[in-house]
PDB file of all heavy atoms in Angstrom:
ATOM      1  N   SER A   1     110.030 103.895 103.699  1.00  0.00           N
ATOM      2  CA  SER A   1     111.001 103.139 102.914  1.00  0.00           C
ATOM      3  C   SER A   1     110.366 102.642 101.646  1.00  0.00           C
ATOM      4  O   SER A   1     109.144 102.646 101.493  1.00  0.00           O
ATOM      5  CB  SER A   1     111.564 101.966 103.732  1.00  0.00           C
ATOM      6  OG  SER A   1     110.512 101.054 104.054  1.00  0.00           O
ATOM      7  N   PHE A   2     111.191 102.198 100.689  1.00  0.00           N
ATOM      8  CA  PHE A   2     110.733 101.717  99.407  1.00  0.00           C
ATOM      9  C   PHE A   2     110.615 100.209  99.410  1.00  0.00           C
ATOM     10  O   PHE A   2     111.520  99.497  99.849  1.00  0.00           O
ATOM     11  CB  PHE A   2     111.708 102.121  98.292  1.00  0.00           C
ATOM     12  CG  PHE A   2     111.888 103.615  98.166  1.00  0.00           C
ATOM     13  CD1 PHE A   2     113.053 104.216  98.615  1.00  0.00           C
ATOM     14  CD2 PHE A   2     110.916 104.397  97.602  1.00  0.00           C
ATOM     15  CE1 PHE A   2     113.241 105.580  98.502  1.00  0.00           C
ATOM     16  CE2 PHE A   2     111.088 105.762  97.470  1.00  0.00           C
ATOM     17  CZ  PHE A   2     112.247 106.359  97.926  1.00  0.00           C
ATOM     18  N   THR A   3     109.516  99.706  98.914  1.00  0.00           N
ATOM     19  CA  THR A   3     109.336  98.269  98.709  1.00  0.00           C
ATOM     20  C   THR A   3     108.680  98.062  97.352  1.00  0.00           C
ATOM     21  O   THR A   3     108.177  99.003  96.734  1.00  0.00           O
ATOM     22  CB  THR A   3     108.460  97.631  99.804  1.00  0.00           C
ATOM     23  OG1 THR A   3     107.165  98.248  99.794  1.00  0.00           O
ATOM     24  CG2 THR A   3     109.090  97.816 101.178  1.00  0.00           C
ATOM     25  N   ALA A   4     108.690  96.821  96.876  1.00  0.00           N
ATOM     26  CA  ALA A   4     108.031  96.481  95.611  1.00  0.00           C
ATOM     27  C   ALA A   4     106.688  95.834  95.933  1.00  0.00           C
ATOM     28  O   ALA A   4     106.621  94.885  96.715  1.00  0.00           O
ATOM     29  CB  ALA A   4     108.895  95.532  94.796  1.00  0.00           C
ATOM     30  N   GLY A   5     105.631  96.367  95.348  1.00  0.00           N
ATOM     31  CA  GLY A   5     104.309  95.814  95.578  1.00  0.00           C
ATOM     32  C   GLY A   5     103.448  95.888  94.328  1.00  0.00           C
ATOM     33  O   GLY A   5     103.604  96.804  93.516  1.00  0.00           O
ATOM     34  N   VAL A   6     102.572  94.906  94.143  1.00  0.00           N
ATOM     35  CA  VAL A   6     101.703  94.882  92.970  1.00  0.00           C
ATOM     36  C   VAL A   6     100.821  96.129  92.974  1.00  0.00           C
ATOM     37  O   VAL A   6     100.176  96.451  93.982  1.00  0.00           O
ATOM     38  CB  VAL A   6     100.828  93.609  92.964  1.00  0.00           C
ATOM     39  CG1 VAL A   6      99.829  93.659  91.813  1.00  0.00           C
ATOM     40  CG2 VAL A   6     101.706  92.374  92.853  1.00  0.00           C
ATOM     41  N   GLY A   7     100.816  96.827  91.860  1.00  0.00           N
ATOM     42  CA  GLY A   7     100.036  98.063  91.765  1.00  0.00           C
ATOM     43  C   GLY A   7     100.774  99.281  92.275  1.00  0.00           C
ATOM     44  O   GLY A   7     100.188 100.366  92.363  1.00  0.00           O
ATOM     45  N   GLY A   8     102.045  99.139  92.603  1.00  0.00           N
ATOM     46  CA  GLY A   8     102.814 100.252  93.146  1.00  0.00           C
ATOM     47  C   GLY A   8     102.893 101.416  92.185  1.00  0.00           C
ATOM     48  O   GLY A   8     103.001 101.238  90.970  1.00  0.00           O
ATOM     49  N   GLY A   9     102.834 102.607  92.722  1.00  0.00           N
ATOM     50  CA  GLY A   9     102.961 103.819  91.902  1.00  0.00           C
ATOM     51  C   GLY A   9     101.669 104.563  91.666  1.00  0.00           C
ATOM     52  O   GLY A   9     101.667 105.647  91.087  1.00  0.00           O
ATOM     53  N   LEU A  10     100.531 103.992  92.107  1.00  0.00           N
ATOM     54  CA  LEU A  10      99.244 104.645  91.831  1.00  0.00           C
ATOM     55  C   LEU A  10      99.053 105.924  92.644  1.00  0.00           C
ATOM     56  O   LEU A  10      98.178 106.732  92.321  1.00  0.00           O
ATOM     57  CB  LEU A  10      98.103 103.666  92.107  1.00  0.00           C
ATOM     58  CG  LEU A  10      98.036 102.453  91.177  1.00  0.00           C
ATOM     59  CD1 LEU A  10      96.739 101.665  91.437  1.00  0.00           C
ATOM     60  CD2 LEU A  10      98.109 102.860  89.709  1.00  0.00           C
ATOM     61  N   CYS A  11      99.860 106.121  93.695  1.00  0.00           N
ATOM     62  CA  CYS A  11      99.775 107.366  94.447  1.00  0.00           C
ATOM     63  C   CYS A  11     100.110 108.568  93.561  1.00  0.00           C
ATOM     64  O   CYS A  11      99.640 109.675  93.824  1.00  0.00           O
ATOM     65  CB  CYS A  11     100.710 107.343  95.642  1.00  0.00           C
ATOM     66  SG  CYS A  11     100.046 106.483  97.085  1.00  0.00           S
ATOM     67  N   GLN A  12     100.915 108.359  92.531  1.00  0.00           N
ATOM     68  CA  GLN A  12     101.199 109.480  91.644  1.00  0.00           C
ATOM     69  C   GLN A  12      99.931 109.982  90.966  1.00  0.00           C
ATOM     70  O   GLN A  12      99.752 111.180  90.748  1.00  0.00           O
ATOM     71  CB  GLN A  12     102.241 109.098  90.585  1.00  0.00           C
ATOM     72  CG  GLN A  12     102.633 110.276  89.690  1.00  0.00           C
ATOM     73  CD  GLN A  12     103.781 109.969  88.767  1.00  0.00           C
ATOM     74  OE1 GLN A  12     104.456 108.937  88.889  1.00  0.00           O
ATOM     75  NE2 GLN A  12     104.032 110.858  87.807  1.00  0.00           N
ATOM     76  N   LEU A  13      99.033 109.054  90.665  1.00  0.00           N
ATOM     77  CA  LEU A  13      97.771 109.432  90.033  1.00  0.00           C
ATOM     78  C   LEU A  13      96.849 110.123  91.023  1.00  0.00           C
ATOM     79  O   LEU A  13      96.216 111.137  90.695  1.00  0.00           O
ATOM     80  CB  LEU A  13      97.105 108.185  89.456  1.00  0.00           C
ATOM     81  CG  LEU A  13      95.782 108.373  88.714  1.00  0.00           C
ATOM     82  CD1 LEU A  13      95.907 109.398  87.595  1.00  0.00           C
ATOM     83  CD2 LEU A  13      95.288 107.034  88.154  1.00  0.00           C
ATOM     84  N   SER A  14      96.758 109.615  92.244  1.00  0.00           N
ATOM     85  CA  SER A  14      95.911 110.270  93.248  1.00  0.00           C
ATOM     86  C   SER A  14      96.467 111.645  93.607  1.00  0.00           C
ATOM     87  O   SER A  14      95.715 112.590  93.835  1.00  0.00           O
ATOM     88  CB  SER A  14      95.760 109.393  94.484  1.00  0.00           C
ATOM     89  OG  SER A  14      97.002 109.134  95.090  1.00  0.00           O
ATOM     90  N   ASN A  15      97.809 111.769  93.655  1.00  0.00           N
ATOM     91  CA  ASN A  15      98.416 113.073  93.907  1.00  0.00           C
ATOM     92  C   ASN A  15      98.031 114.067  92.825  1.00  0.00           C
ATOM     93  O   ASN A  15      97.679 115.231  93.121  1.00  0.00           O
ATOM     94  CB  ASN A  15      99.949 112.946  93.938  1.00  0.00           C
ATOM     95  CG  ASN A  15     100.463 112.225  95.151  1.00  0.00           C
ATOM     96  OD1 ASN A  15      99.778 112.082  96.171  1.00  0.00           O
ATOM     97  ND2 ASN A  15     101.685 111.725  95.067  1.00  0.00           N
ATOM     98  N   LEU A  16      98.117 113.641  91.575  1.00  0.00           N
ATOM     99  CA  LEU A  16      97.781 114.518  90.439  1.00  0.00           C
ATOM    100  C   LEU A  16      96.331 114.973  90.515  1.00  0.00           C
ATOM    101  O   LEU A  16      96.017 116.165  90.339  1.00  0.00           O
ATOM    102  CB  LEU A  16      98.031 113.754  89.133  1.00  0.00           C
ATOM    103  CG  LEU A  16      97.691 114.508  87.845  1.00  0.00           C
ATOM    104  CD1 LEU A  16      98.832 115.415  87.428  1.00  0.00           C
ATOM    105  CD2 LEU A  16      97.370 113.521  86.718  1.00  0.00           C
ATOM    106  N   ILE A  17      95.417 114.031  90.764  1.00  0.00           N
ATOM    107  CA  ILE A  17      93.991 114.374  90.807  1.00  0.00           C
ATOM    108  C   ILE A  17      93.700 115.332  91.953  1.00  0.00           C
ATOM    109  O   ILE A  17      92.951 116.297  91.809  1.00  0.00           O
ATOM    110  CB  ILE A  17      93.142 113.089  90.919  1.00  0.00           C
ATOM    111  CG1 ILE A  17      93.323 112.223  89.664  1.00  0.00           C
ATOM    112  CG2 ILE A  17      91.666 113.427  91.117  1.00  0.00           C
ATOM    113  CD1 ILE A  17      92.721 110.845  89.785  1.00  0.00           C
ATOM    114  N   TYR A  18      94.304 115.077  93.112  1.00  0.00           N
ATOM    115  CA  TYR A  18      94.097 115.936  94.277  1.00  0.00           C
ATOM    116  C   TYR A  18      94.563 117.369  93.994  1.00  0.00           C
ATOM    117  O   TYR A  18      93.839 118.332  94.272  1.00  0.00           O
ATOM    118  CB  TYR A  18      94.821 115.366  95.480  1.00  0.00           C
ATOM    119  CG  TYR A  18      94.745 116.225  96.729  1.00  0.00           C
ATOM    120  CD1 TYR A  18      93.561 116.333  97.452  1.00  0.00           C
ATOM    121  CD2 TYR A  18      95.860 116.935  97.175  1.00  0.00           C
ATOM    122  CE1 TYR A  18      93.484 117.119  98.598  1.00  0.00           C
ATOM    123  CE2 TYR A  18      95.797 117.721  98.326  1.00  0.00           C
ATOM    124  CZ  TYR A  18      94.605 117.806  99.018  1.00  0.00           C
ATOM    125  OH  TYR A  18      94.537 118.585 100.155  1.00  0.00           O
ATOM    126  N   TRP A  19      95.771 117.504  93.439  1.00  0.00           N
ATOM    127  CA  TRP A  19      96.309 118.827  93.151  1.00  0.00           C
ATOM    128  C   TRP A  19      95.432 119.579  92.143  1.00  0.00           C
ATOM    129  O   TRP A  19      95.155 120.775  92.317  1.00  0.00           O
ATOM    130  CB  TRP A  19      97.732 118.708  92.624  1.00  0.00           C
ATOM    131  CG  TRP A  19      98.373 120.015  92.252  1.00  0.00           C
ATOM    132  CD1 TRP A  19      98.654 120.454  91.004  1.00  0.00           C
ATOM    133  CD2 TRP A  19      98.797 121.045  93.147  1.00  0.00           C
ATOM    134  NE1 TRP A  19      99.246 121.699  91.047  1.00  0.00           N
ATOM    135  CE2 TRP A  19      99.335 122.088  92.363  1.00  0.00           C
ATOM    136  CE3 TRP A  19      98.782 121.192  94.538  1.00  0.00           C
ATOM    137  CZ2 TRP A  19      99.847 123.261  92.905  1.00  0.00           C
ATOM    138  CZ3 TRP A  19      99.296 122.366  95.085  1.00  0.00           C
ATOM    139  CH2 TRP A  19      99.821 123.375  94.282  1.00  0.00           C
ATOM    140  N   MET A  20      94.985 118.897  91.107  1.00  0.00           N
ATOM    141  CA  MET A  20      94.103 119.558  90.127  1.00  0.00           C
ATOM    142  C   MET A  20      92.780 119.968  90.767  1.00  0.00           C
ATOM    143  O   MET A  20      92.251 121.039  90.479  1.00  0.00           O
ATOM    144  CB  MET A  20      93.847 118.634  88.943  1.00  0.00           C
ATOM    145  CG  MET A  20      95.053 118.366  88.065  1.00  0.00           C
ATOM    146  SD  MET A  20      94.598 117.603  86.484  1.00  0.00           S
ATOM    147  CE  MET A  20      93.753 116.119  87.023  1.00  0.00           C
ATOM    148  N   THR A  21      92.252 119.108  91.626  1.00  0.00           N
ATOM    149  CA  THR A  21      90.958 119.373  92.240  1.00  0.00           C
ATOM    150  C   THR A  21      90.996 120.623  93.114  1.00  0.00           C
ATOM    151  O   THR A  21      90.023 121.362  93.230  1.00  0.00           O
ATOM    152  CB  THR A  21      90.483 118.168  93.054  1.00  0.00           C
ATOM    153  OG1 THR A  21      90.453 117.007  92.201  1.00  0.00           O
ATOM    154  CG2 THR A  21      89.087 118.387  93.623  1.00  0.00           C
ATOM    155  N   LEU A  22      92.149 120.900  93.735  1.00  0.00           N
ATOM    156  CA  LEU A  22      92.300 122.106  94.536  1.00  0.00           C
ATOM    157  C   LEU A  22      92.128 123.370  93.685  1.00  0.00           C
ATOM    158  O   LEU A  22      91.857 124.443  94.209  1.00  0.00           O
ATOM    159  CB  LEU A  22      93.678 122.135  95.211  1.00  0.00           C
ATOM    160  CG  LEU A  22      93.924 121.134  96.335  1.00  0.00           C
ATOM    161  CD1 LEU A  22      95.349 121.266  96.858  1.00  0.00           C
ATOM    162  CD2 LEU A  22      92.918 121.301  97.468  1.00  0.00           C
ATOM    163  N   HIS A  23      92.257 123.227  92.373  1.00  0.00           N
ATOM    164  CA  HIS A  23      92.118 124.364  91.458  1.00  0.00           C
ATOM    165  C   HIS A  23      90.742 124.365  90.774  1.00  0.00           C
ATOM    166  O   HIS A  23      90.572 124.936  89.706  1.00  0.00           O
ATOM    167  CB  HIS A  23      93.221 124.319  90.397  1.00  0.00           C
ATOM    168  CG  HIS A  23      94.588 124.531  90.967  1.00  0.00           C
ATOM    169  ND1 HIS A  23      95.334 123.503  91.524  1.00  0.00           N
ATOM    170  CD2 HIS A  23      95.348 125.654  91.089  1.00  0.00           C
ATOM    171  CE1 HIS A  23      96.494 123.983  91.949  1.00  0.00           C
ATOM    172  NE2 HIS A  23      96.519 125.278  91.696  1.00  0.00           N
ATOM    173  N   THR A  24      89.773 123.710  91.394  1.00  0.00           N
ATOM    174  CA  THR A  24      88.401 123.694  90.883  1.00  0.00           C
ATOM    175  C   THR A  24      87.433 124.021  92.009  1.00  0.00           C
ATOM    176  O   THR A  24      87.828 124.168  93.168  1.00  0.00           O
ATOM    177  CB  THR A  24      88.053 122.311  90.313  1.00  0.00           C
ATOM    178  OG1 THR A  24      87.858 121.376  91.404  1.00  0.00           O
ATOM    179  CG2 THR A  24      89.142 121.778  89.378  1.00  0.00           C
ATOM    180  N   SER A  25      86.138 124.058  91.674  1.00  0.00           N
ATOM    181  CA  SER A  25      85.087 124.294  92.668  1.00  0.00           C
ATOM    182  C   SER A  25      84.543 122.988  93.247  1.00  0.00           C
ATOM    183  O   SER A  25      83.572 122.998  94.004  1.00  0.00           O
ATOM    184  CB  SER A  25      83.940 125.093  92.033  1.00  0.00           C
ATOM    185  OG  SER A  25      84.388 126.380  91.668  1.00  0.00           O
ATOM    186  N   LEU A  26      85.164 121.851  92.921  1.00  0.00           N
ATOM    187  CA  LEU A  26      84.765 120.565  93.477  1.00  0.00           C
ATOM    188  C   LEU A  26      85.161 120.490  94.942  1.00  0.00           C
ATOM    189  O   LEU A  26      86.087 121.174  95.397  1.00  0.00           O
ATOM    190  CB  LEU A  26      85.400 119.435  92.696  1.00  0.00           C
ATOM    191  CG  LEU A  26      84.978 119.308  91.220  1.00  0.00           C
ATOM    192  CD1 LEU A  26      85.853 118.309  90.486  1.00  0.00           C
ATOM    193  CD2 LEU A  26      83.505 118.927  91.115  1.00  0.00           C
ATOM    194  N   THR A  27      84.490 119.619  95.711  1.00  0.00           N
ATOM    195  CA  THR A  27      84.701 119.513  97.159  1.00  0.00           C
ATOM    196  C   THR A  27      85.407 118.204  97.476  1.00  0.00           C
ATOM    197  O   THR A  27      84.908 117.117  97.143  1.00  0.00           O
ATOM    198  CB  THR A  27      83.361 119.573  97.913  1.00  0.00           C
ATOM    199  OG1 THR A  27      82.671 120.773  97.567  1.00  0.00           O
ATOM    200  CG2 THR A  27      83.581 119.505  99.406  1.00  0.00           C
ATOM    201  N   ILE A  28      86.556 118.277  98.121  1.00  0.00           N
ATOM    202  CA  ILE A  28      87.295 117.089  98.533  1.00  0.00           C
ATOM    203  C   ILE A  28      86.760 116.642  99.887  1.00  0.00           C
ATOM    204  O   ILE A  28      86.857 117.377 100.865  1.00  0.00           O
ATOM    205  CB  ILE A  28      88.797 117.372  98.621  1.00  0.00           C
ATOM    206  CG1 ILE A  28      89.330 117.786  97.245  1.00  0.00           C
ATOM    207  CG2 ILE A  28      89.555 116.156  99.157  1.00  0.00           C
ATOM    208  CD1 ILE A  28      90.679 118.441  97.276  1.00  0.00           C
ATOM    209  N   ILE A  29      86.169 115.456  99.938  1.00  0.00           N
ATOM    210  CA  ILE A  29      85.551 114.974 101.183  1.00  0.00           C
ATOM    211  C   ILE A  29      86.380 113.895 101.880  1.00  0.00           C
ATOM    212  O   ILE A  29      86.134 113.580 103.038  1.00  0.00           O
ATOM    213  CB  ILE A  29      84.121 114.486 100.946  1.00  0.00           C
ATOM    214  CG1 ILE A  29      84.090 113.304  99.972  1.00  0.00           C
ATOM    215  CG2 ILE A  29      83.234 115.611 100.440  1.00  0.00           C
ATOM    216  CD1 ILE A  29      82.716 112.668  99.844  1.00  0.00           C
ATOM    217  N   GLU A  30      87.320 113.312 101.180  1.00  0.00           N
ATOM    218  CA  GLU A  30      88.244 112.351 101.815  1.00  0.00           C
ATOM    219  C   GLU A  30      89.600 112.445 101.164  1.00  0.00           C
ATOM    220  O   GLU A  30      89.734 112.271  99.958  1.00  0.00           O
ATOM    221  CB  GLU A  30      87.720 110.906 101.740  1.00  0.00           C
ATOM    222  CG  GLU A  30      88.655 109.923 102.434  1.00  0.00           C
ATOM    223  CD  GLU A  30      88.159 108.483 102.406  1.00  0.00           C
ATOM    224  OE1 GLU A  30      86.947 108.270 102.182  1.00  0.00           O
ATOM    225  OE2 GLU A  30      88.981 107.570 102.629  1.00  0.00           O
ATOM    226  N   ARG A  31      90.573 112.733 101.972  1.00  0.00           N
ATOM    227  CA  ARG A  31      91.966 112.790 101.502  1.00  0.00           C
ATOM    228  C   ARG A  31      92.864 112.405 102.659  1.00  0.00           C
ATOM    229  O   ARG A  31      92.671 112.840 103.783  1.00  0.00           O
ATOM    230  CB  ARG A  31      92.302 114.183 100.992  1.00  0.00           C
ATOM    231  CG  ARG A  31      93.791 114.402 100.676  1.00  0.00           C
ATOM    232  CD  ARG A  31      94.508 115.122 101.815  1.00  0.00           C
ATOM    233  NE  ARG A  31      95.911 115.373 101.510  1.00  0.00           N
ATOM    234  CZ  ARG A  31      96.763 115.959 102.338  1.00  0.00           C
ATOM    235  NH1 ARG A  31      96.360 116.362 103.539  1.00  0.00           N
ATOM    236  NH2 ARG A  31      98.021 116.145 101.996  1.00  0.00           N
ATOM    237  N   TRP A  32      93.845 111.562 102.401  1.00  0.00           N
ATOM    238  CA  TRP A  32      94.782 111.102 103.418  1.00  0.00           C
ATOM    239  C   TRP A  32      96.174 111.655 103.100  1.00  0.00           C
ATOM    240  O   TRP A  32      96.628 111.550 101.963  1.00  0.00           O
ATOM    241  CB  TRP A  32      94.832 109.581 103.479  1.00  0.00           C
ATOM    242  CG  TRP A  32      93.529 108.958 103.862  1.00  0.00           C
ATOM    243  CD1 TRP A  32      92.421 108.794 103.058  1.00  0.00           C
ATOM    244  CD2 TRP A  32      93.173 108.412 105.132  1.00  0.00           C
ATOM    245  NE1 TRP A  32      91.414 108.178 103.741  1.00  0.00           N
ATOM    246  CE2 TRP A  32      91.836 107.940 105.024  1.00  0.00           C
ATOM    247  CE3 TRP A  32      93.842 108.282 106.345  1.00  0.00           C
ATOM    248  CZ2 TRP A  32      91.184 107.348 106.085  1.00  0.00           C
ATOM    249  CZ3 TRP A  32      93.187 107.689 107.399  1.00  0.00           C
ATOM    250  CH2 TRP A  32      91.883 107.220 107.273  1.00  0.00           C
ATOM    251  N   ARG A  33      96.828 112.213 104.102  1.00  0.00           N
ATOM    252  CA  ARG A  33      98.149 112.756 103.879  1.00  0.00           C
ATOM    253  C   ARG A  33      99.207 111.659 104.050  1.00  0.00           C
ATOM    254  O   ARG A  33      98.985 110.643 104.731  1.00  0.00           O
ATOM    255  CB  ARG A  33      98.438 113.892 104.864  1.00  0.00           C
ATOM    256  CG  ARG A  33      98.472 113.458 106.332  1.00  0.00           C
ATOM    257  CD  ARG A  33      98.907 114.631 107.223  1.00  0.00           C
ATOM    258  NE  ARG A  33      98.948 114.227 108.628  1.00  0.00           N
ATOM    259  CZ  ARG A  33      98.096 114.644 109.545  1.00  0.00           C
ATOM    260  NH1 ARG A  33      97.115 115.447 109.193  1.00  0.00           N
ATOM    261  NH2 ARG A  33      98.211 114.254 110.788  1.00  0.00           N
ATOM    262  N   HIS A  34     100.362 111.876 103.445  1.00  0.00           N
ATOM    263  CA  HIS A  34     101.490 110.979 103.630  1.00  0.00           C
ATOM    264  C   HIS A  34     102.049 111.177 105.040  1.00  0.00           C
ATOM    265  O   HIS A  34     102.207 112.302 105.501  1.00  0.00           O
ATOM    266  CB  HIS A  34     102.576 111.262 102.589  1.00  0.00           C
ATOM    267  CG  HIS A  34     102.159 110.939 101.185  1.00  0.00           C
ATOM    268  ND1 HIS A  34     102.335 109.701 100.621  1.00  0.00           N
ATOM    269  CD2 HIS A  34     101.552 111.692 100.237  1.00  0.00           C
ATOM    270  CE1 HIS A  34     101.870 109.710  99.376  1.00  0.00           C
ATOM    271  NE2 HIS A  34     101.388 110.904  99.127  1.00  0.00           N
TER     272      HIS A  34
END
């Protein structure tokens, strides 16, 4: 569900970084799914 919280919306940034990283040779060592 949707709620209002301080700092809300930062998951969009982590989503973006994760997706880009999948297209590189970098190694993802910690990622949590929704």
